Amino acid sequence: MRAFRLGLNGLILAAALLVGAPACAATAPVGGYTVVKAWPHDTGAFTEGLFYRDGFLFESTGLKDRSFIRKWKLETGASEQERLLDSRYFGEGIVDWKNRLYELTWTDEVGFIYDIDSFEKIGEFSYPGEGWALTRDDKRLMMSDGTSFIRFLDPDTLKETGRIEVTDHGVPVRNLNELEWVKGELLANVWQTTRIARIDVKTGHVIAWIELAGLLKEAGVTGTQDDVLNGIAYDAAGDRLFVTGKLWPKVFEIKLTPAK
């Protein structure tokens, strides 16, 4: 999600950020990170989805008239493949499955299927409600919709097969955004906060939080408008975890430090 918007919920979130608290009553342990390396990132990319595959980062962006999917080389920043989304759509999360790439849209209740090599559109699918982010394990897709729920989708039919509610000691964790599957855990950015939730998908419980507030300064952003943290990718073969944000000038490889 999306362009910055306030209102009661937004004011609550902003207040939470000012006092250094997450957008929910977090009581799970909180861990940190160390930066391994930083690479340039397109500051025009309103990042919604991110994943790593075969030596490349695949990224989707939002905003109408500016949404695209892109395949690019981390080491050089060079774009290898790109496709603009129809201007009426606000692009959201992406995920790969075999030779396909799936993309969500925010409020249009439609997703798109592409050939992952050519980015040629080969189909569409539908879902109720908003679409925010996608990831997968080796058996199913996982989808966020801006609420505290994670939907499970059949990767071939794209039909919902179940869902869980994400909670931290019984408190729902809303605004779940960009997702990534890492070593048997679901990682989720929480929109307009500087934290990533580590989630047990069997129970929906937050195992721990990753606090990334220090990255804002290193990226040279404030995180108070559109330039919020969003974007997680994992290179399983190299055991490398990458994070970035909307309109950020950098992508960071980080190592997690123990939660306390």
C-alpha atoms as a PDB file:
ATOM      1  CA  MET A   1       0.000   0.000   0.000  1.00  0.00           C
ATOM      2  CA  ARG A   2      -0.200   3.079  -1.177  1.00  0.00           C
ATOM      3  CA  ALA A   3      -0.057   6.785  -1.047  1.00  0.00           C
ATOM      4  CA  PHE A   4       0.052   8.250   2.454  1.00  0.00           C
ATOM      5  CA  ARG A   5      -3.365   8.866   3.938  1.00  0.00           C
ATOM      6  CA  LEU A   6      -4.409   9.989   7.387  1.00  0.00           C
ATOM      7  CA  GLY A   7      -7.666   9.927   9.302  1.00  0.00           C
ATOM      8  CA  LEU A   8      -8.173   8.419  12.754  1.00  0.00           C
ATOM      9  CA  ASN A   9      -6.225   5.257  12.003  1.00  0.00           C
ATOM     10  CA  GLY A  10      -3.470   7.242  10.356  1.00  0.00           C
ATOM     11  CA  LEU A  11      -3.178   9.568  13.329  1.00  0.00           C
ATOM     12  CA  ILE A  12      -2.925   6.592  15.660  1.00  0.00           C
ATOM     13  CA  LEU A  13      -0.187   5.128  13.487  1.00  0.00           C
ATOM     14  CA  ALA A  14       1.644   8.447  13.320  1.00  0.00           C
ATOM     15  CA  ALA A  15       1.479   8.823  17.082  1.00  0.00           C
ATOM     16  CA  ALA A  16       2.821   5.300  17.505  1.00  0.00           C
ATOM     17  CA  LEU A  17       5.735   6.097  15.238  1.00  0.00           C
ATOM     18  CA  LEU A  18       6.558   9.279  17.138  1.00  0.00           C
ATOM     19  CA  VAL A  19       6.928   7.387  20.401  1.00  0.00           C
ATOM     20  CA  GLY A  20       8.807   4.559  18.745  1.00  0.00           C
ATOM     21  CA  ALA A  21       6.019   2.008  19.168  1.00  0.00           C
ATOM     22  CA  PRO A  22       4.575  -0.256  16.485  1.00  0.00           C
ATOM     23  CA  ALA A  23       1.020   0.111  15.202  1.00  0.00           C
ATOM     24  CA  CYS A  24      -0.124  -2.580  17.580  1.00  0.00           C
ATOM     25  CA  ALA A  25       0.558  -3.508  21.193  1.00  0.00           C
ATOM     26  CA  ALA A  26       3.770  -5.421  20.555  1.00  0.00           C
ATOM     27  CA  THR A  27       4.876  -7.694  23.355  1.00  0.00           C
ATOM     28  CA  ALA A  28       6.808 -10.244  21.298  1.00  0.00           C
ATOM     29  CA  PRO A  29      10.611  -9.961  21.502  1.00  0.00           C
ATOM     30  CA  VAL A  30      12.258  -7.282  19.354  1.00  0.00           C
ATOM     31  CA  GLY A  31      15.422  -7.895  17.366  1.00  0.00           C
ATOM     32  CA  GLY A  32      17.595  -5.669  15.235  1.00  0.00           C
ATOM     33  CA  TYR A  33      19.989  -5.919  12.322  1.00  0.00           C
ATOM     34  CA  THR A  34      23.407  -5.125  10.970  1.00  0.00           C
ATOM     35  CA  VAL A  35      23.953  -3.820   7.454  1.00  0.00           C
ATOM     36  CA  VAL A  36      26.100  -6.062   5.277  1.00  0.00           C
ATOM     37  CA  LYS A  37      26.010  -3.940   2.136  1.00  0.00           C
ATOM     38  CA  ALA A  38      23.919  -1.338   0.336  1.00  0.00           C
ATOM     39  CA  TRP A  39      23.140  -0.981  -3.364  1.00  0.00           C
ATOM     40  CA  PRO A  40      21.438   1.796  -5.367  1.00  0.00           C
ATOM     41  CA  HIS A  41      17.659   1.653  -5.765  1.00  0.00           C
ATOM     42  CA  ASP A  42      15.463   3.576  -8.186  1.00  0.00           C
ATOM     43  CA  THR A  43      14.020   6.543  -6.257  1.00  0.00           C
ATOM     44  CA  GLY A  44      11.079   6.596  -8.667  1.00  0.00           C
ATOM     45  CA  ALA A  45      10.041   3.088  -7.624  1.00  0.00           C
ATOM     46  CA  PHE A  46       7.033   3.120  -5.266  1.00  0.00           C
ATOM     47  CA  THR A  47       7.886  -0.382  -4.095  1.00  0.00           C
ATOM     48  CA  GLU A  48       5.008  -2.779  -3.448  1.00  0.00           C
ATOM     49  CA  GLY A  49       6.488  -6.217  -4.104  1.00  0.00           C
ATOM     50  CA  LEU A  50      10.006  -7.642  -4.167  1.00  0.00           C
ATOM     51  CA  PHE A  51      11.561 -11.078  -4.571  1.00  0.00           C
ATOM     52  CA  TYR A  52      14.889 -12.601  -5.609  1.00  0.00           C
ATOM     53  CA  ARG A  53      15.217 -15.237  -8.318  1.00  0.00           C
ATOM     54  CA  ASP A  54      18.115 -16.548 -10.396  1.00  0.00           C
ATOM     55  CA  GLY A  55      20.433 -13.660  -9.606  1.00  0.00           C
ATOM     56  CA  PHE A  56      17.881 -10.895 -10.172  1.00  0.00           C
ATOM     57  CA  LEU A  57      15.492  -8.807  -8.096  1.00  0.00           C
ATOM     58  CA  PHE A  58      11.912  -8.695  -9.343  1.00  0.00           C
ATOM     59  CA  GLU A  59      10.025  -5.596  -8.200  1.00  0.00           C
ATOM     60  CA  SER A  60       6.508  -4.246  -8.568  1.00  0.00           C
ATOM     61  CA  THR A  61       5.475  -0.666  -7.912  1.00  0.00           C
ATOM     62  CA  GLY A  62       2.277   1.242  -7.229  1.00  0.00           C
ATOM     63  CA  LEU A  63       0.584   4.556  -8.093  1.00  0.00           C
ATOM     64  CA  LYS A  64      -1.711   4.940 -11.093  1.00  0.00           C
ATOM     65  CA  ASP A  65       0.081   5.861 -14.310  1.00  0.00           C
ATOM     66  CA  ARG A  66       3.364   4.808 -12.653  1.00  0.00           C
ATOM     67  CA  SER A  67       2.907   1.118 -11.790  1.00  0.00           C
ATOM     68  CA  PHE A  68       5.304  -1.354 -13.354  1.00  0.00           C
ATOM     69  CA  ILE A  69       6.979  -4.702 -12.854  1.00  0.00           C
ATOM     70  CA  ARG A  70      10.722  -4.894 -13.357  1.00  0.00           C
ATOM     71  CA  LYS A  71      13.542  -7.433 -13.336  1.00  0.00           C
ATOM     72  CA  TRP A  72      16.871  -5.878 -12.422  1.00  0.00           C
ATOM     73  CA  LYS A  73      20.418  -6.737 -11.451  1.00  0.00           C
ATOM     74  CA  LEU A  74      21.229  -5.955  -7.839  1.00  0.00           C
ATOM     75  CA  GLU A  75      24.927  -5.339  -8.419  1.00  0.00           C
ATOM     76  CA  THR A  76      24.451  -2.801 -11.224  1.00  0.00           C
ATOM     77  CA  GLY A  77      20.880  -1.564 -10.851  1.00  0.00           C
ATOM     78  CA  ALA A  78      20.420  -2.232 -14.560  1.00  0.00           C
ATOM     79  CA  SER A  79      16.914  -3.142 -15.673  1.00  0.00           C
ATOM     80  CA  GLU A  80      16.773  -6.371 -17.675  1.00  0.00           C
ATOM     81  CA  GLN A  81      13.024  -6.479 -18.263  1.00  0.00           C
ATOM     82  CA  GLU A  82      10.140  -4.110 -17.557  1.00  0.00           C
ATOM     83  CA  ARG A  83       6.415  -3.861 -18.167  1.00  0.00           C
ATOM     84  CA  LEU A  84       4.116  -0.932 -17.406  1.00  0.00           C
ATOM     85  CA  LEU A  85       0.714  -1.663 -15.928  1.00  0.00           C
ATOM     86  CA  ASP A  86      -2.389  -0.214 -17.580  1.00  0.00           C
ATOM     87  CA  SER A  87      -2.765   3.342 -16.246  1.00  0.00           C
ATOM     88  CA  ARG A  88      -6.123   2.657 -14.597  1.00  0.00           C
ATOM     89  CA  TYR A  89      -4.579   0.152 -12.172  1.00  0.00           C
ATOM     90  CA  PHE A  90      -2.589   0.663  -8.972  1.00  0.00           C
ATOM     91  CA  GLY A  91      -0.055  -2.151  -8.911  1.00  0.00           C
ATOM     92  CA  GLU A  92       0.634  -4.157  -5.768  1.00  0.00           C
ATOM     93  CA  GLY A  93       2.544  -7.274  -4.717  1.00  0.00           C
ATOM     94  CA  ILE A  94       4.106  -9.945  -6.931  1.00  0.00           C
ATOM     95  CA  VAL A  95       5.279 -13.541  -6.584  1.00  0.00           C
ATOM     96  CA  ASP A  96       6.781 -16.182  -8.849  1.00  0.00           C
ATOM     97  CA  TRP A  97       5.385 -19.651  -9.330  1.00  0.00           C
ATOM     98  CA  LYS A  98       7.166 -21.973 -11.778  1.00  0.00           C
ATOM     99  CA  ASN A  99       7.282 -20.068 -15.108  1.00  0.00           C
ATOM    100  CA  ARG A 100       4.675 -17.513 -14.086  1.00  0.00           C
ATOM    101  CA  LEU A 101       4.607 -14.198 -12.270  1.00  0.00           C
ATOM    102  CA  TYR A 102       1.458 -13.109 -10.430  1.00  0.00           C
ATOM    103  CA  GLU A 103       0.637  -9.469  -9.666  1.00  0.00           C
ATOM    104  CA  LEU A 104      -2.079  -7.951  -7.477  1.00  0.00           C
ATOM    105  CA  THR A 105      -3.847  -4.614  -7.838  1.00  0.00           C
ATOM    106  CA  TRP A 106      -4.944  -2.518  -4.894  1.00  0.00           C
ATOM    107  CA  THR A 107      -8.722  -1.992  -5.113  1.00  0.00           C
ATOM    108  CA  ASP A 108      -9.784  -3.414  -8.473  1.00  0.00           C
ATOM    109  CA  GLU A 109     -10.087  -7.021  -7.230  1.00  0.00           C
ATOM    110  CA  VAL A 110      -8.141  -8.287 -10.230  1.00  0.00           C
ATOM    111  CA  GLY A 111      -4.690  -9.781 -10.575  1.00  0.00           C
ATOM    112  CA  PHE A 112      -2.543 -10.485 -13.619  1.00  0.00           C
ATOM    113  CA  ILE A 113      -0.568 -13.505 -14.743  1.00  0.00           C
ATOM    114  CA  TYR A 114       2.606 -13.051 -16.786  1.00  0.00           C
ATOM    115  CA  ASP A 115       5.193 -15.290 -18.374  1.00  0.00           C
ATOM    116  CA  ILE A 116       8.128 -14.730 -16.046  1.00  0.00           C
ATOM    117  CA  ASP A 117      10.709 -14.664 -18.835  1.00  0.00           C
ATOM    118  CA  SER A 118       8.994 -12.339 -21.322  1.00  0.00           C
ATOM    119  CA  PHE A 119       6.568 -10.463 -18.984  1.00  0.00           C
ATOM    120  CA  GLU A 120       3.902 -11.201 -21.582  1.00  0.00           C
ATOM    121  CA  LYS A 121       0.444 -11.174 -20.007  1.00  0.00           C
ATOM    122  CA  ILE A 122      -1.097 -14.647 -20.202  1.00  0.00           C
ATOM    123  CA  GLY A 123      -4.118 -14.377 -17.905  1.00  0.00           C
ATOM    124  CA  GLU A 124      -6.041 -12.732 -15.090  1.00  0.00           C
ATOM    125  CA  PHE A 125      -7.565 -13.810 -11.768  1.00  0.00           C
ATOM    126  CA  SER A 126      -9.952 -12.253  -9.289  1.00  0.00           C
ATOM    127  CA  TYR A 127     -10.241 -11.980  -5.505  1.00  0.00           C
ATOM    128  CA  PRO A 128     -12.532 -10.099  -3.108  1.00  0.00           C
ATOM    129  CA  GLY A 129     -11.293  -7.010  -1.274  1.00  0.00           C
ATOM    130  CA  GLU A 130      -7.955  -5.267  -1.514  1.00  0.00           C
ATOM    131  CA  GLY A 131      -4.696  -6.762  -2.723  1.00  0.00           C
ATOM    132  CA  TRP A 132      -1.455  -5.758  -0.975  1.00  0.00           C
ATOM    133  CA  ALA A 133       1.297  -8.388  -1.168  1.00  0.00           C
ATOM    134  CA  LEU A 134       2.195 -11.946  -2.157  1.00  0.00           C
ATOM    135  CA  THR A 135       4.808 -14.537  -1.283  1.00  0.00           C
ATOM    136  CA  ARG A 136       4.999 -18.330  -1.310  1.00  0.00           C
ATOM    137  CA  ASP A 137       6.506 -21.466   0.107  1.00  0.00           C
ATOM    138  CA  ASP A 138       6.863 -24.583  -2.039  1.00  0.00           C
ATOM    139  CA  LYS A 139       3.166 -25.512  -1.780  1.00  0.00           C
ATOM    140  CA  ARG A 140       1.011 -22.378  -1.580  1.00  0.00           C
ATOM    141  CA  LEU A 141       0.833 -18.642  -2.022  1.00  0.00           C
ATOM    142  CA  MET A 142       0.295 -16.206   0.843  1.00  0.00           C
ATOM    143  CA  MET A 143      -1.483 -12.889   0.368  1.00  0.00           C
ATOM    144  CA  SER A 144      -1.966  -9.788   2.531  1.00  0.00           C
ATOM    145  CA  ASP A 145      -4.890  -7.411   2.080  1.00  0.00           C
ATOM    146  CA  GLY A 146      -4.178  -4.577   4.516  1.00  0.00           C
ATOM    147  CA  THR A 147      -5.982  -6.232   7.410  1.00  0.00           C
ATOM    148  CA  SER A 148      -4.618  -8.541  10.099  1.00  0.00           C
ATOM    149  CA  PHE A 149      -5.375 -11.598   7.947  1.00  0.00           C
ATOM    150  CA  ILE A 150      -3.152 -13.619   5.650  1.00  0.00           C
ATOM    151  CA  ARG A 151      -4.919 -15.563   2.910  1.00  0.00           C
ATOM    152  CA  PHE A 152      -3.603 -18.846   1.532  1.00  0.00           C
ATOM    153  CA  LEU A 153      -4.078 -19.387  -2.210  1.00  0.00           C
ATOM    154  CA  ASP A 154      -3.750 -22.442  -4.399  1.00  0.00           C
ATOM    155  CA  PRO A 155      -0.770 -21.559  -6.638  1.00  0.00           C
ATOM    156  CA  ASP A 156      -2.348 -23.075  -9.754  1.00  0.00           C
ATOM    157  CA  THR A 157      -6.003 -22.046  -9.438  1.00  0.00           C
ATOM    158  CA  LEU A 158      -5.374 -18.893  -7.351  1.00  0.00           C
ATOM    159  CA  LYS A 159      -8.441 -19.705  -5.259  1.00  0.00           C
ATOM    160  CA  GLU A 160      -8.384 -19.092  -1.513  1.00  0.00           C
ATOM    161  CA  THR A 161      -7.842 -22.259   0.521  1.00  0.00           C
ATOM    162  CA  GLY A 162      -7.775 -20.756   4.010  1.00  0.00           C
ATOM    163  CA  ARG A 163      -6.578 -17.858   6.130  1.00  0.00           C
ATOM    164  CA  ILE A 164      -5.080 -16.965   9.482  1.00  0.00           C
ATOM    165  CA  GLU A 165      -5.266 -13.861  11.636  1.00  0.00           C
ATOM    166  CA  VAL A 166      -1.899 -12.467  12.719  1.00  0.00           C
ATOM    167  CA  THR A 167      -1.761 -11.510  16.383  1.00  0.00           C
ATOM    168  CA  ASP A 168       0.810 -10.511  18.957  1.00  0.00           C
ATOM    169  CA  HIS A 169      -0.302 -11.948  22.298  1.00  0.00           C
ATOM    170  CA  GLY A 170      -3.918 -11.767  21.183  1.00  0.00           C
ATOM    171  CA  VAL A 171      -3.736  -8.275  19.644  1.00  0.00           C
ATOM    172  CA  PRO A 172      -4.449  -8.235  15.872  1.00  0.00           C
ATOM    173  CA  VAL A 173      -1.575  -6.876  13.778  1.00  0.00           C
ATOM    174  CA  ARG A 174      -3.218  -4.799  11.062  1.00  0.00           C
ATOM    175  CA  ASN A 175      -1.784  -3.194   7.929  1.00  0.00           C
ATOM    176  CA  LEU A 176       0.241  -6.267   6.997  1.00  0.00           C
ATOM    177  CA  ASN A 177       1.988  -5.333   3.784  1.00  0.00           C
ATOM    178  CA  GLU A 178       4.917  -6.728   1.757  1.00  0.00           C
ATOM    179  CA  LEU A 179       5.634 -10.395   2.519  1.00  0.00           C
ATOM    180  CA  GLU A 180       8.543 -12.814   2.231  1.00  0.00           C
ATOM    181  CA  TRP A 181       8.954 -16.475   3.169  1.00  0.00           C
ATOM    182  CA  VAL A 182      12.270 -16.967   5.001  1.00  0.00           C
ATOM    183  CA  LYS A 183      13.424 -20.217   6.613  1.00  0.00           C
ATOM    184  CA  GLY A 184       9.942 -21.416   7.525  1.00  0.00           C
ATOM    185  CA  GLU A 185       8.698 -18.037   8.777  1.00  0.00           C
ATOM    186  CA  LEU A 186       6.527 -15.411   7.129  1.00  0.00           C
ATOM    187  CA  LEU A 187       8.060 -11.937   7.265  1.00  0.00           C
ATOM    188  CA  ALA A 188       5.692  -8.990   6.855  1.00  0.00           C
ATOM    189  CA  ASN A 189       6.241  -5.254   6.704  1.00  0.00           C
ATOM    190  CA  VAL A 190       3.659  -3.397   8.778  1.00  0.00           C
ATOM    191  CA  TRP A 191       2.643  -0.337   6.781  1.00  0.00           C
ATOM    192  CA  GLN A 192       3.774   3.043   8.116  1.00  0.00           C
ATOM    193  CA  THR A 193       5.965   1.463  10.785  1.00  0.00           C
ATOM    194  CA  THR A 194       9.654   0.588  10.873  1.00  0.00           C
ATOM    195  CA  ARG A 195       9.040  -2.992  11.924  1.00  0.00           C
ATOM    196  CA  ILE A 196       8.816  -6.355  10.235  1.00  0.00           C
ATOM    197  CA  ALA A 197       6.771  -9.078  11.905  1.00  0.00           C
ATOM    198  CA  ARG A 198       8.123 -12.630  12.000  1.00  0.00           C
ATOM    199  CA  ILE A 199       5.030 -14.820  11.847  1.00  0.00           C
ATOM    200  CA  ASP A 200       4.329 -18.492  12.570  1.00  0.00           C
ATOM    201  CA  VAL A 201       1.838 -19.360   9.817  1.00  0.00           C
ATOM    202  CA  LYS A 202       0.544 -22.394  11.717  1.00  0.00           C
ATOM    203  CA  THR A 203      -0.803 -20.223  14.522  1.00  0.00           C
ATOM    204  CA  GLY A 204      -0.711 -16.667  13.181  1.00  0.00           C
ATOM    205  CA  HIS A 205       1.344 -15.615  16.202  1.00  0.00           C
ATOM    206  CA  VAL A 206       4.108 -13.027  15.902  1.00  0.00           C
ATOM    207  CA  ILE A 207       7.267 -14.836  16.977  1.00  0.00           C
ATOM    208  CA  ALA A 208       9.325 -11.661  17.113  1.00  0.00           C
ATOM    209  CA  TRP A 209       9.710  -8.200  15.628  1.00  0.00           C
ATOM    210  CA  ILE A 210      12.576  -6.817  13.541  1.00  0.00           C
ATOM    211  CA  GLU A 211      13.155  -3.129  14.270  1.00  0.00           C
ATOM    212  CA  LEU A 212      14.609  -1.282  11.280  1.00  0.00           C
ATOM    213  CA  ALA A 213      14.226   2.365  12.333  1.00  0.00           C
ATOM    214  CA  GLY A 214      17.950   2.991  11.901  1.00  0.00           C
ATOM    215  CA  LEU A 215      17.734   2.241   8.182  1.00  0.00           C
ATOM    216  CA  LEU A 216      15.777   5.432   7.526  1.00  0.00           C
ATOM    217  CA  LYS A 217      18.805   7.570   8.364  1.00  0.00           C
ATOM    218  CA  GLU A 218      21.114   5.330   6.343  1.00  0.00           C
ATOM    219  CA  ALA A 219      18.746   5.592   3.378  1.00  0.00           C
ATOM    220  CA  GLY A 220      18.394   9.342   3.821  1.00  0.00           C
ATOM    221  CA  VAL A 221      14.601   9.279   4.158  1.00  0.00           C
ATOM    222  CA  THR A 222      12.145  10.344   6.846  1.00  0.00           C
ATOM    223  CA  GLY A 223       9.579   7.550   6.585  1.00  0.00           C
ATOM    224  CA  THR A 224       6.824  10.016   7.493  1.00  0.00           C
ATOM    225  CA  GLN A 225       5.234  10.459   4.070  1.00  0.00           C
ATOM    226  CA  ASP A 226       5.294   8.071   1.116  1.00  0.00           C
ATOM    227  CA  ASP A 227       8.898   6.915   1.701  1.00  0.00           C
ATOM    228  CA  VAL A 228       7.992   4.182   4.179  1.00  0.00           C
ATOM    229  CA  LEU A 229       9.781   0.890   4.660  1.00  0.00           C
ATOM    230  CA  ASN A 230       8.395  -1.716   2.254  1.00  0.00           C
ATOM    231  CA  GLY A 231      10.114  -4.495   0.366  1.00  0.00           C
ATOM    232  CA  ILE A 232      11.650  -7.780   1.550  1.00  0.00           C
ATOM    233  CA  ALA A 233      13.505 -10.297  -0.618  1.00  0.00           C
ATOM    234  CA  TYR A 234      15.447 -13.415   0.288  1.00  0.00           C
ATOM    235  CA  ASP A 235      18.198 -15.171  -1.655  1.00  0.00           C
ATOM    236  CA  ALA A 236      17.899 -18.689  -0.242  1.00  0.00           C
ATOM    237  CA  ALA A 237      20.989 -20.039  -2.028  1.00  0.00           C
ATOM    238  CA  GLY A 238      23.182 -17.244  -0.703  1.00  0.00           C
ATOM    239  CA  ASP A 239      21.284 -16.823   2.589  1.00  0.00           C
ATOM    240  CA  ARG A 240      20.959 -13.084   1.940  1.00  0.00           C
ATOM    241  CA  LEU A 241      18.089 -10.929   3.191  1.00  0.00           C
ATOM    242  CA  PHE A 242      17.324  -7.656   1.393  1.00  0.00           C
ATOM    243  CA  VAL A 243      15.067  -4.793   2.473  1.00  0.00           C
ATOM    244  CA  THR A 244      14.125  -1.432   0.992  1.00  0.00           C
ATOM    245  CA  GLY A 245      11.326   1.130   0.995  1.00  0.00           C
ATOM    246  CA  LYS A 246       9.068   3.133  -1.289  1.00  0.00           C
ATOM    247  CA  LEU A 247      11.076   5.718  -3.231  1.00  0.00           C
ATOM    248  CA  TRP A 248      14.222   4.774  -1.313  1.00  0.00           C
ATOM    249  CA  PRO A 249      17.637   5.366  -2.908  1.00  0.00           C
ATOM    250  CA  LYS A 250      19.082   2.141  -1.503  1.00  0.00           C
ATOM    251  CA  VAL A 251      18.460  -1.576  -1.080  1.00  0.00           C
ATOM    252  CA  PHE A 252      20.142  -3.053   1.996  1.00  0.00           C
ATOM    253  CA  GLU A 253      21.419  -6.551   2.645  1.00  0.00           C
ATOM    254  CA  ILE A 254      21.035  -7.109   6.383  1.00  0.00           C
ATOM    255  CA  LYS A 255      21.828  -9.745   8.983  1.00  0.00           C
ATOM    256  CA  LEU A 256      19.352 -10.123  11.813  1.00  0.00           C
ATOM    257  CA  THR A 257      20.444  -9.823  15.426  1.00  0.00           C
ATOM    258  CA  PRO A 258      18.783 -11.839  18.209  1.00  0.00           C
ATOM    259  CA  ALA A 259      15.421 -10.706  19.528  1.00  0.00           C
ATOM    260  CA  LYS A 260      15.183  -9.736  23.194  1.00  0.00           C
END
